Amino acid sequence: MPALTIKQAAFVAEYLIDLNGTQAAIRAGYSKKSADEIAAQLMARPHVKAAVDAAIAKRAEKTELDAEWVLRRLGLEADADLADLYDDANNLKPVKDWPKIWRLGLVAGVEVDELFEGYGEDRVQIGVTKKLRLSERLRRIELIGKHIRVNAFQETVNVKGLDTLADRLERAAKRAGE
């Protein structure tokens, strides 16, 4: 297998950043105008593709992130219980008391509005509104389905009449041949 050129090695390193071949080619010094074509050509070369695959595998081994980790994490996120964020009096717990899975990205944001009445020294807090913005849990379930090839989220199109159309064409061809 041929050795990588300097530019090819740069492409492999840049590809690992975002797995975008076009951008990797540009960052590696190839022409912007033809970067998409060059990226496709590079990935079609067995020695470049093998180097990319080896670099991805090495990174996965180093970070200990693989398909099993992704599936396990998605499962934990899909099963996370919103009730874990609240105490027995239905008050939102402090973030430090949330289960780790919620702190790692399931809550996309927290908005706190303090409500006051009066002005100056007479100002008194009369309430607090806390709003949680949650990340898309349905998307996680969809990703799990795609990962394990459940095909639960594939759209299917049923076209009626094609069989009868084929039968009609066949009969017409037979009549034309008679």
N, C-alpha and C. Protein backbone atom coordinates (compact mmCIF):
# COMPACT_ATOMS: atom_id res chain seq x y z
N MET A 1 0.85 -1.18 0.00
CA MET A 1 0.00 0.00 0.00
C MET A 1 0.90 1.24 0.00
N PRO A 2 0.61 2.20 -0.88
CA PRO A 2 1.47 3.39 -0.96
C PRO A 2 1.38 4.24 0.31
N ALA A 3 2.46 4.95 0.58
CA ALA A 3 2.48 5.86 1.73
C ALA A 3 1.67 7.11 1.38
N LEU A 4 1.16 7.75 2.41
CA LEU A 4 0.40 8.98 2.21
C LEU A 4 1.35 10.13 1.87
N THR A 5 0.92 10.99 0.96
CA THR A 5 1.67 12.22 0.71
C THR A 5 1.41 13.16 1.89
N ILE A 6 2.15 14.23 1.94
CA ILE A 6 1.97 15.21 3.03
C ILE A 6 0.55 15.76 3.01
N LYS A 7 0.05 16.08 1.82
CA LYS A 7 -1.32 16.63 1.72
C LYS A 7 -2.37 15.59 2.09
N GLN A 8 -2.14 14.34 1.70
CA GLN A 8 -3.08 13.28 2.05
C GLN A 8 -3.11 13.07 3.57
N ALA A 9 -1.95 13.10 4.20
CA ALA A 9 -1.87 12.96 5.65
C ALA A 9 -2.58 14.13 6.33
N ALA A 10 -2.42 15.33 5.76
CA ALA A 10 -3.11 16.50 6.31
C ALA A 10 -4.62 16.33 6.15
N PHE A 11 -5.05 15.79 5.02
CA PHE A 11 -6.48 15.53 4.80
C PHE A 11 -7.00 14.57 5.86
N VAL A 12 -6.28 13.50 6.13
CA VAL A 12 -6.71 12.52 7.13
C VAL A 12 -6.86 13.19 8.49
N ALA A 13 -5.87 13.99 8.88
CA ALA A 13 -5.92 14.67 10.18
C ALA A 13 -7.09 15.66 10.23
N GLU A 14 -7.30 16.39 9.16
CA GLU A 14 -8.38 17.37 9.12
C GLU A 14 -9.75 16.70 9.06
N TYR A 15 -9.82 15.55 8.44
CA TYR A 15 -11.09 14.83 8.33
C TYR A 15 -11.62 14.44 9.72
N LEU A 16 -10.72 14.15 10.63
CA LEU A 16 -11.11 13.75 11.98
C LEU A 16 -11.80 14.88 12.75
N ILE A 17 -11.61 16.12 12.35
CA ILE A 17 -12.20 17.24 13.07
C ILE A 17 -13.71 17.20 13.01
N ASP A 18 -14.27 17.06 11.81
CA ASP A 18 -15.73 17.12 11.66
C ASP A 18 -16.29 16.06 10.71
N LEU A 19 -15.45 15.16 10.24
CA LEU A 19 -15.83 14.10 9.30
C LEU A 19 -16.46 14.67 8.03
N ASN A 20 -16.04 15.86 7.65
CA ASN A 20 -16.53 16.52 6.45
C ASN A 20 -15.38 16.54 5.44
N GLY A 21 -15.50 15.72 4.40
CA GLY A 21 -14.43 15.58 3.42
C GLY A 21 -14.10 16.86 2.69
N THR A 22 -15.12 17.61 2.30
CA THR A 22 -14.90 18.86 1.57
C THR A 22 -14.11 19.84 2.42
N GLN A 23 -14.56 20.04 3.65
CA GLN A 23 -13.87 20.98 4.54
C GLN A 23 -12.46 20.49 4.88
N ALA A 24 -12.30 19.19 5.04
CA ALA A 24 -10.99 18.62 5.33
C ALA A 24 -10.03 18.88 4.16
N ALA A 25 -10.53 18.72 2.94
CA ALA A 25 -9.69 18.97 1.77
C ALA A 25 -9.26 20.44 1.71
N ILE A 26 -10.19 21.33 1.99
CA ILE A 26 -9.85 22.77 1.98
C ILE A 26 -8.81 23.07 3.05
N ARG A 27 -9.03 22.57 4.27
CA ARG A 27 -8.09 22.83 5.37
C ARG A 27 -6.73 22.19 5.11
N ALA A 28 -6.72 21.10 4.34
CA ALA A 28 -5.46 20.42 4.02
C ALA A 28 -4.70 21.11 2.89
N GLY A 29 -5.30 22.12 2.29
CA GLY A 29 -4.60 22.90 1.27
C GLY A 29 -5.01 22.63 -0.16
N TYR A 30 -6.05 21.83 -0.36
CA TYR A 30 -6.54 21.60 -1.72
C TYR A 30 -7.42 22.78 -2.15
N SER A 31 -7.66 22.88 -3.44
CA SER A 31 -8.45 23.98 -4.01
C SER A 31 -9.89 23.99 -3.49
N LYS A 32 -10.37 25.17 -3.11
CA LYS A 32 -11.76 25.29 -2.63
C LYS A 32 -12.75 24.94 -3.73
N LYS A 33 -12.43 25.31 -4.97
CA LYS A 33 -13.36 25.08 -6.08
C LYS A 33 -13.63 23.60 -6.32
N SER A 34 -12.62 22.79 -6.12
CA SER A 34 -12.80 21.37 -6.42
C SER A 34 -12.66 20.49 -5.17
N ALA A 35 -12.81 21.08 -3.99
CA ALA A 35 -12.59 20.35 -2.75
C ALA A 35 -13.53 19.16 -2.59
N ASP A 36 -14.79 19.33 -3.00
CA ASP A 36 -15.73 18.21 -2.84
C ASP A 36 -15.33 17.03 -3.73
N GLU A 37 -14.90 17.34 -4.94
CA GLU A 37 -14.47 16.30 -5.87
C GLU A 37 -13.17 15.64 -5.39
N ILE A 38 -12.25 16.45 -4.90
CA ILE A 38 -10.97 15.93 -4.40
C ILE A 38 -11.21 15.03 -3.18
N ALA A 39 -12.10 15.47 -2.29
CA ALA A 39 -12.41 14.67 -1.10
C ALA A 39 -12.94 13.30 -1.50
N ALA A 40 -13.83 13.27 -2.47
CA ALA A 40 -14.40 12.00 -2.93
C ALA A 40 -13.29 11.12 -3.54
N GLN A 41 -12.41 11.74 -4.33
CA GLN A 41 -11.31 10.99 -4.93
C GLN A 41 -10.37 10.43 -3.86
N LEU A 42 -10.06 11.26 -2.86
CA LEU A 42 -9.17 10.80 -1.79
C LEU A 42 -9.78 9.63 -1.03
N MET A 43 -11.08 9.75 -0.70
CA MET A 43 -11.73 8.69 0.07
C MET A 43 -11.90 7.41 -0.78
N ALA A 44 -11.82 7.53 -2.11
CA ALA A 44 -11.91 6.37 -2.98
C ALA A 44 -10.58 5.63 -3.08
N ARG A 45 -9.50 6.28 -2.67
CA ARG A 45 -8.18 5.63 -2.70
C ARG A 45 -8.05 4.73 -1.47
N PRO A 46 -7.81 3.45 -1.69
CA PRO A 46 -7.80 2.50 -0.56
C PRO A 46 -6.84 2.88 0.56
N HIS A 47 -5.65 3.39 0.22
CA HIS A 47 -4.68 3.71 1.28
C HIS A 47 -5.10 4.94 2.08
N VAL A 48 -5.78 5.90 1.45
CA VAL A 48 -6.28 7.07 2.18
C VAL A 48 -7.47 6.67 3.05
N LYS A 49 -8.38 5.90 2.49
CA LYS A 49 -9.55 5.43 3.24
C LYS A 49 -9.10 4.59 4.43
N ALA A 50 -8.10 3.74 4.23
CA ALA A 50 -7.58 2.90 5.31
C ALA A 50 -6.96 3.78 6.41
N ALA A 51 -6.27 4.84 6.01
CA ALA A 51 -5.67 5.75 7.00
C ALA A 51 -6.75 6.48 7.79
N VAL A 52 -7.81 6.91 7.11
CA VAL A 52 -8.93 7.57 7.79
C VAL A 52 -9.58 6.59 8.76
N ASP A 53 -9.87 5.38 8.31
CA ASP A 53 -10.50 4.37 9.17
C ASP A 53 -9.63 4.06 10.38
N ALA A 54 -8.33 3.94 10.16
CA ALA A 54 -7.40 3.64 11.26
C ALA A 54 -7.36 4.80 12.25
N ALA A 55 -7.37 6.03 11.74
CA ALA A 55 -7.34 7.20 12.63
C ALA A 55 -8.62 7.30 13.45
N ILE A 56 -9.75 6.99 12.83
CA ILE A 56 -11.03 7.02 13.55
C ILE A 56 -11.04 5.92 14.62
N ALA A 57 -10.57 4.74 14.27
CA ALA A 57 -10.53 3.63 15.23
C ALA A 57 -9.59 3.95 16.38
N LYS A 58 -8.45 4.56 16.08
CA LYS A 58 -7.49 4.92 17.12
C LYS A 58 -8.11 5.95 18.06
N ARG A 59 -8.80 6.92 17.49
CA ARG A 59 -9.45 7.95 18.32
C ARG A 59 -10.54 7.31 19.18
N ALA A 60 -11.32 6.41 18.61
CA ALA A 60 -12.39 5.75 19.37
C ALA A 60 -11.80 4.93 20.52
N GLU A 61 -10.69 4.25 20.25
CA GLU A 61 -10.03 3.46 21.30
C GLU A 61 -9.50 4.38 22.40
N LYS A 62 -8.91 5.48 21.99
CA LYS A 62 -8.33 6.42 22.94
C LYS A 62 -9.41 7.07 23.81
N THR A 63 -10.50 7.45 23.20
CA THR A 63 -11.58 8.11 23.95
C THR A 63 -12.55 7.12 24.58
N GLU A 64 -12.42 5.85 24.21
CA GLU A 64 -13.32 4.80 24.66
C GLU A 64 -14.77 5.06 24.26
N LEU A 65 -14.94 5.75 23.14
CA LEU A 65 -16.27 6.01 22.59
C LEU A 65 -16.44 5.13 21.36
N ASP A 66 -17.51 4.34 21.39
CA ASP A 66 -17.79 3.48 20.25
C ASP A 66 -19.31 3.35 20.11
N ALA A 67 -19.75 2.53 19.19
CA ALA A 67 -21.18 2.38 18.94
C ALA A 67 -21.91 1.89 20.18
N GLU A 68 -21.28 1.00 20.94
CA GLU A 68 -21.90 0.49 22.16
C GLU A 68 -22.10 1.61 23.17
N TRP A 69 -21.07 2.48 23.33
CA TRP A 69 -21.18 3.62 24.24
C TRP A 69 -22.31 4.55 23.82
N VAL A 70 -22.39 4.84 22.52
CA VAL A 70 -23.43 5.73 22.00
C VAL A 70 -24.81 5.15 22.29
N LEU A 71 -24.99 3.88 22.01
CA LEU A 71 -26.29 3.24 22.23
C LEU A 71 -26.64 3.23 23.72
N ARG A 72 -25.67 2.92 24.57
CA ARG A 72 -25.91 2.92 26.02
C ARG A 72 -26.32 4.32 26.49
N ARG A 73 -25.60 5.33 26.01
CA ARG A 73 -25.89 6.72 26.40
C ARG A 73 -27.27 7.15 25.91
N LEU A 74 -27.59 6.86 24.67
CA LEU A 74 -28.91 7.20 24.14
C LEU A 74 -30.01 6.52 24.95
N GLY A 75 -29.78 5.28 25.35
CA GLY A 75 -30.76 4.57 26.16
C GLY A 75 -30.97 5.24 27.51
N LEU A 76 -29.89 5.64 28.16
CA LEU A 76 -30.00 6.34 29.45
C LEU A 76 -30.76 7.65 29.28
N GLU A 77 -30.46 8.38 28.21
CA GLU A 77 -31.12 9.66 27.97
C GLU A 77 -32.60 9.47 27.66
N ALA A 78 -32.92 8.44 26.89
CA ALA A 78 -34.32 8.20 26.52
C ALA A 78 -35.14 7.78 27.74
N ASP A 79 -34.51 7.11 28.70
CA ASP A 79 -35.22 6.62 29.88
C ASP A 79 -35.18 7.58 31.06
N ALA A 80 -34.46 8.70 30.96
CA ALA A 80 -34.34 9.63 32.09
C ALA A 80 -35.72 10.14 32.50
N ASP A 81 -35.95 10.17 33.81
CA ASP A 81 -37.25 10.54 34.36
C ASP A 81 -37.23 12.00 34.78
N LEU A 82 -38.12 12.80 34.21
CA LEU A 82 -38.22 14.22 34.51
C LEU A 82 -38.50 14.46 36.00
N ALA A 83 -39.18 13.54 36.64
CA ALA A 83 -39.49 13.68 38.07
C ALA A 83 -38.22 13.74 38.92
N ASP A 84 -37.11 13.23 38.42
CA ASP A 84 -35.85 13.26 39.17
C ASP A 84 -35.33 14.68 39.38
N LEU A 85 -35.88 15.65 38.64
CA LEU A 85 -35.43 17.04 38.76
C LEU A 85 -36.20 17.80 39.84
N TYR A 86 -37.21 17.19 40.42
CA TYR A 86 -38.07 17.88 41.38
C TYR A 86 -38.02 17.18 42.73
N ASP A 87 -38.17 17.99 43.79
CA ASP A 87 -38.23 17.40 45.14
C ASP A 87 -39.66 16.97 45.45
N ASP A 88 -39.89 16.49 46.68
CA ASP A 88 -41.20 15.98 47.06
C ASP A 88 -42.29 17.06 47.06
N ALA A 89 -41.89 18.33 47.17
CA ALA A 89 -42.85 19.43 47.17
C ALA A 89 -43.05 20.01 45.76
N ASN A 90 -42.56 19.29 44.74
CA ASN A 90 -42.66 19.71 43.33
C ASN A 90 -41.90 20.99 43.03
N ASN A 91 -40.84 21.24 43.78
CA ASN A 91 -39.95 22.37 43.50
C ASN A 91 -38.75 21.85 42.72
N LEU A 92 -38.29 22.65 41.78
CA LEU A 92 -37.13 22.26 40.99
C LEU A 92 -35.91 22.20 41.90
N LYS A 93 -35.22 21.07 41.86
CA LYS A 93 -34.01 20.90 42.67
C LYS A 93 -32.90 21.79 42.13
N PRO A 94 -31.92 22.13 42.96
CA PRO A 94 -30.74 22.82 42.44
C PRO A 94 -30.04 21.93 41.42
N VAL A 95 -29.43 22.53 40.42
CA VAL A 95 -28.79 21.77 39.34
C VAL A 95 -27.80 20.75 39.88
N LYS A 96 -27.06 21.11 40.92
CA LYS A 96 -26.06 20.18 41.48
C LYS A 96 -26.69 18.90 42.01
N ASP A 97 -28.00 18.93 42.30
CA ASP A 97 -28.69 17.75 42.82
C ASP A 97 -29.39 16.93 41.73
N TRP A 98 -29.31 17.38 40.48
CA TRP A 98 -29.91 16.63 39.38
C TRP A 98 -29.08 15.38 39.11
N PRO A 99 -29.71 14.31 38.63
CA PRO A 99 -28.93 13.15 38.18
C PRO A 99 -28.00 13.58 37.04
N LYS A 100 -26.85 12.98 36.99
CA LYS A 100 -25.82 13.38 36.02
C LYS A 100 -26.33 13.37 34.58
N ILE A 101 -27.15 12.39 34.22
CA ILE A 101 -27.61 12.29 32.83
C ILE A 101 -28.36 13.55 32.41
N TRP A 102 -29.08 14.18 33.36
CA TRP A 102 -29.79 15.42 33.04
C TRP A 102 -28.82 16.59 32.89
N ARG A 103 -27.75 16.59 33.67
CA ARG A 103 -26.78 17.68 33.60
C ARG A 103 -25.91 17.60 32.35
N LEU A 104 -25.88 16.45 31.70
CA LEU A 104 -25.01 16.26 30.54
C LEU A 104 -25.66 16.64 29.21
N GLY A 105 -26.77 17.33 29.24
CA GLY A 105 -27.31 17.81 27.99
C GLY A 105 -28.78 17.58 27.75
N LEU A 106 -29.45 16.86 28.62
CA LEU A 106 -30.89 16.68 28.41
C LEU A 106 -31.66 17.97 28.64
N VAL A 107 -31.16 18.80 29.55
CA VAL A 107 -31.75 20.12 29.76
C VAL A 107 -30.94 21.09 28.92
N ALA A 108 -31.59 21.67 27.90
CA ALA A 108 -30.89 22.56 26.99
C ALA A 108 -30.79 23.97 27.55
N GLY A 109 -31.58 24.29 28.56
CA GLY A 109 -31.51 25.61 29.16
C GLY A 109 -32.48 25.76 30.31
N VAL A 110 -32.15 26.68 31.21
CA VAL A 110 -33.00 27.00 32.34
C VAL A 110 -33.19 28.51 32.34
N GLU A 111 -34.44 28.94 32.43
CA GLU A 111 -34.75 30.36 32.49
C GLU A 111 -35.46 30.62 33.82
N VAL A 112 -34.92 31.57 34.58
CA VAL A 112 -35.50 31.90 35.88
C VAL A 112 -35.96 33.35 35.84
N ASP A 113 -37.24 33.55 36.14
CA ASP A 113 -37.81 34.89 36.23
C ASP A 113 -38.24 35.12 37.67
N GLU A 114 -37.66 36.15 38.31
CA GLU A 114 -38.07 36.51 39.66
C GLU A 114 -39.11 37.61 39.56
N LEU A 115 -40.21 37.46 40.26
CA LEU A 115 -41.31 38.42 40.21
C LEU A 115 -41.29 39.26 41.48
N PHE A 116 -41.30 40.59 41.30
CA PHE A 116 -41.25 41.50 42.43
C PHE A 116 -42.45 42.44 42.40
N GLU A 117 -42.78 42.96 43.56
CA GLU A 117 -43.85 43.95 43.69
C GLU A 117 -43.28 45.11 44.50
N GLY A 118 -43.61 46.32 44.11
CA GLY A 118 -43.14 47.50 44.82
C GLY A 118 -41.84 48.03 44.25
N TYR A 119 -41.35 49.14 44.88
CA TYR A 119 -40.13 49.81 44.40
C TYR A 119 -39.23 50.13 45.58
N GLY A 120 -37.95 50.24 45.29
CA GLY A 120 -36.98 50.65 46.30
C GLY A 120 -36.97 49.71 47.49
N GLU A 121 -36.99 50.34 48.70
CA GLU A 121 -36.94 49.55 49.94
C GLU A 121 -38.22 48.75 50.15
N ASP A 122 -39.32 49.15 49.48
CA ASP A 122 -40.59 48.44 49.63
C ASP A 122 -40.73 47.26 48.66
N ARG A 123 -39.70 47.06 47.85
CA ARG A 123 -39.74 45.99 46.85
C ARG A 123 -39.70 44.63 47.54
N VAL A 124 -40.65 43.75 47.17
CA VAL A 124 -40.76 42.44 47.77
C VAL A 124 -40.90 41.39 46.66
N GLN A 125 -40.14 40.31 46.81
CA GLN A 125 -40.26 39.22 45.84
C GLN A 125 -41.56 38.47 46.13
N ILE A 126 -42.37 38.31 45.06
CA ILE A 126 -43.66 37.64 45.24
C ILE A 126 -43.72 36.29 44.53
N GLY A 127 -42.68 35.96 43.79
CA GLY A 127 -42.69 34.67 43.11
C GLY A 127 -41.47 34.45 42.24
N VAL A 128 -41.34 33.23 41.80
CA VAL A 128 -40.25 32.83 40.91
C VAL A 128 -40.84 31.86 39.88
N THR A 129 -40.50 32.10 38.62
CA THR A 129 -40.91 31.18 37.57
C THR A 129 -39.64 30.56 36.99
N LYS A 130 -39.63 29.24 36.95
CA LYS A 130 -38.48 28.53 36.38
C LYS A 130 -38.96 27.72 35.19
N LYS A 131 -38.29 27.92 34.06
CA LYS A 131 -38.66 27.21 32.84
C LYS A 131 -37.48 26.37 32.38
N LEU A 132 -37.76 25.11 32.11
CA LEU A 132 -36.74 24.22 31.57
C LEU A 132 -36.96 24.05 30.08
N ARG A 133 -35.89 24.14 29.32
CA ARG A 133 -35.95 23.84 27.90
C ARG A 133 -35.24 22.50 27.73
N LEU A 134 -36.00 21.50 27.33
CA LEU A 134 -35.46 20.14 27.21
C LEU A 134 -34.99 19.87 25.78
N SER A 135 -33.98 19.04 25.67
CA SER A 135 -33.52 18.64 24.34
C SER A 135 -34.51 17.64 23.78
N GLU A 136 -34.39 17.34 22.50
CA GLU A 136 -35.35 16.47 21.81
C GLU A 136 -35.15 15.00 22.18
N ARG A 137 -36.00 14.49 23.02
CA ARG A 137 -35.89 13.10 23.44
C ARG A 137 -36.34 12.15 22.32
N LEU A 138 -37.31 12.58 21.55
CA LEU A 138 -37.78 11.73 20.45
C LEU A 138 -36.64 11.46 19.46
N ARG A 139 -35.79 12.45 19.25
CA ARG A 139 -34.66 12.29 18.34
C ARG A 139 -33.73 11.18 18.84
N ARG A 140 -33.56 11.08 20.16
CA ARG A 140 -32.71 10.03 20.71
C ARG A 140 -33.29 8.65 20.42
N ILE A 141 -34.59 8.53 20.57
CA ILE A 141 -35.24 7.25 20.31
C ILE A 141 -35.11 6.91 18.83
N GLU A 142 -35.24 7.91 17.98
CA GLU A 142 -35.06 7.69 16.54
C GLU A 142 -33.64 7.21 16.25
N LEU A 143 -32.65 7.82 16.88
CA LEU A 143 -31.27 7.40 16.67
C LEU A 143 -31.03 5.97 17.14
N ILE A 144 -31.65 5.60 18.26
CA ILE A 144 -31.54 4.22 18.74
C ILE A 144 -32.14 3.28 17.70
N GLY A 145 -33.33 3.63 17.18
CA GLY A 145 -33.99 2.81 16.17
C GLY A 145 -33.14 2.64 14.94
N LYS A 146 -32.48 3.71 14.51
CA LYS A 146 -31.61 3.61 13.33
C LYS A 146 -30.39 2.76 13.64
N HIS A 147 -29.86 2.90 14.84
CA HIS A 147 -28.65 2.17 15.21
C HIS A 147 -28.89 0.67 15.22
N ILE A 148 -30.01 0.27 15.77
CA ILE A 148 -30.25 -1.17 15.85
C ILE A 148 -31.09 -1.67 14.68
N ARG A 149 -31.28 -0.80 13.69
CA ARG A 149 -31.96 -1.15 12.44
C ARG A 149 -33.39 -1.65 12.67
N VAL A 150 -34.09 -0.97 13.57
CA VAL A 150 -35.48 -1.31 13.81
C VAL A 150 -36.33 -0.90 12.62
N ASN A 151 -35.89 0.12 11.91
CA ASN A 151 -36.60 0.69 10.76
C ASN A 151 -37.97 1.23 11.15
N ALA A 152 -38.11 1.61 12.40
CA ALA A 152 -39.39 2.15 12.88
C ALA A 152 -39.65 3.55 12.35
N PHE A 153 -38.61 4.20 11.86
CA PHE A 153 -38.78 5.58 11.44
C PHE A 153 -38.61 5.76 9.93
N GLN A 154 -38.58 4.68 9.21
CA GLN A 154 -38.47 4.80 7.76
C GLN A 154 -39.85 5.04 7.18
N GLU A 155 -39.89 5.99 6.27
CA GLU A 155 -41.16 6.25 5.61
C GLU A 155 -41.34 5.23 4.48
N THR A 156 -42.56 4.74 4.37
CA THR A 156 -42.85 3.80 3.29
C THR A 156 -43.91 4.42 2.39
N VAL A 157 -43.78 4.15 1.15
CA VAL A 157 -44.74 4.65 0.18
C VAL A 157 -45.34 3.44 -0.52
N ASN A 158 -46.63 3.30 -0.44
CA ASN A 158 -47.32 2.22 -1.13
C ASN A 158 -48.01 2.82 -2.35
N VAL A 159 -47.65 2.31 -3.49
CA VAL A 159 -48.24 2.79 -4.73
C VAL A 159 -49.17 1.71 -5.25
N LYS A 160 -50.44 2.04 -5.32
CA LYS A 160 -51.42 1.08 -5.80
C LYS A 160 -51.58 1.23 -7.31
N GLY A 161 -51.86 0.15 -7.94
CA GLY A 161 -52.14 0.20 -9.36
C GLY A 161 -50.97 -0.16 -10.25
N LEU A 162 -49.77 -0.25 -9.70
CA LEU A 162 -48.63 -0.57 -10.56
C LEU A 162 -48.73 -2.00 -11.10
N ASP A 163 -49.19 -2.91 -10.25
CA ASP A 163 -49.33 -4.29 -10.73
C ASP A 163 -50.36 -4.36 -11.84
N THR A 164 -51.47 -3.68 -11.65
CA THR A 164 -52.49 -3.72 -12.70
C THR A 164 -52.01 -3.01 -13.95
N LEU A 165 -51.22 -1.96 -13.81
CA LEU A 165 -50.66 -1.26 -14.96
C LEU A 165 -49.72 -2.19 -15.71
N ALA A 166 -48.89 -2.93 -14.98
CA ALA A 166 -47.97 -3.87 -15.63
C ALA A 166 -48.76 -4.96 -16.36
N ASP A 167 -49.83 -5.43 -15.74
CA ASP A 167 -50.68 -6.44 -16.39
C ASP A 167 -51.28 -5.88 -17.68
N ARG A 168 -51.77 -4.65 -17.62
CA ARG A 168 -52.37 -4.03 -18.82
C ARG A 168 -51.36 -3.90 -19.94
N LEU A 169 -50.14 -3.46 -19.57
CA LEU A 169 -49.10 -3.30 -20.59
C LEU A 169 -48.74 -4.65 -21.22
N GLU A 170 -48.69 -5.68 -20.40
CA GLU A 170 -48.38 -7.02 -20.90
C GLU A 170 -49.47 -7.50 -21.87
N ARG A 171 -50.74 -7.29 -21.49
CA ARG A 171 -51.85 -7.69 -22.38
C ARG A 171 -51.83 -6.89 -23.67
N ALA A 172 -51.50 -5.60 -23.57
CA ALA A 172 -51.45 -4.75 -24.77
C ALA A 172 -50.34 -5.22 -25.69
N ALA A 173 -49.20 -5.60 -25.11
CA ALA A 173 -48.07 -6.09 -25.92
C ALA A 173 -48.47 -7.40 -26.61
N LYS A 174 -49.19 -8.27 -25.92
CA LYS A 174 -49.63 -9.54 -26.52
C LYS A 174 -50.59 -9.26 -27.68
N ARG A 175 -51.52 -8.33 -27.46
CA ARG A 175 -52.48 -8.00 -28.53
C ARG A 175 -51.76 -7.41 -29.73
N ALA A 176 -50.75 -6.58 -29.48
CA ALA A 176 -50.01 -5.96 -30.58
C ALA A 176 -49.24 -7.01 -31.36
N GLY A 177 -48.81 -8.07 -30.68
CA GLY A 177 -48.04 -9.12 -31.33
C GLY A 177 -48.93 -10.11 -32.06
N GLU A 178 -50.25 -10.11 -31.83
CA GLU A 178 -51.16 -11.08 -32.47
C GLU A 178 -51.36 -10.80 -33.91
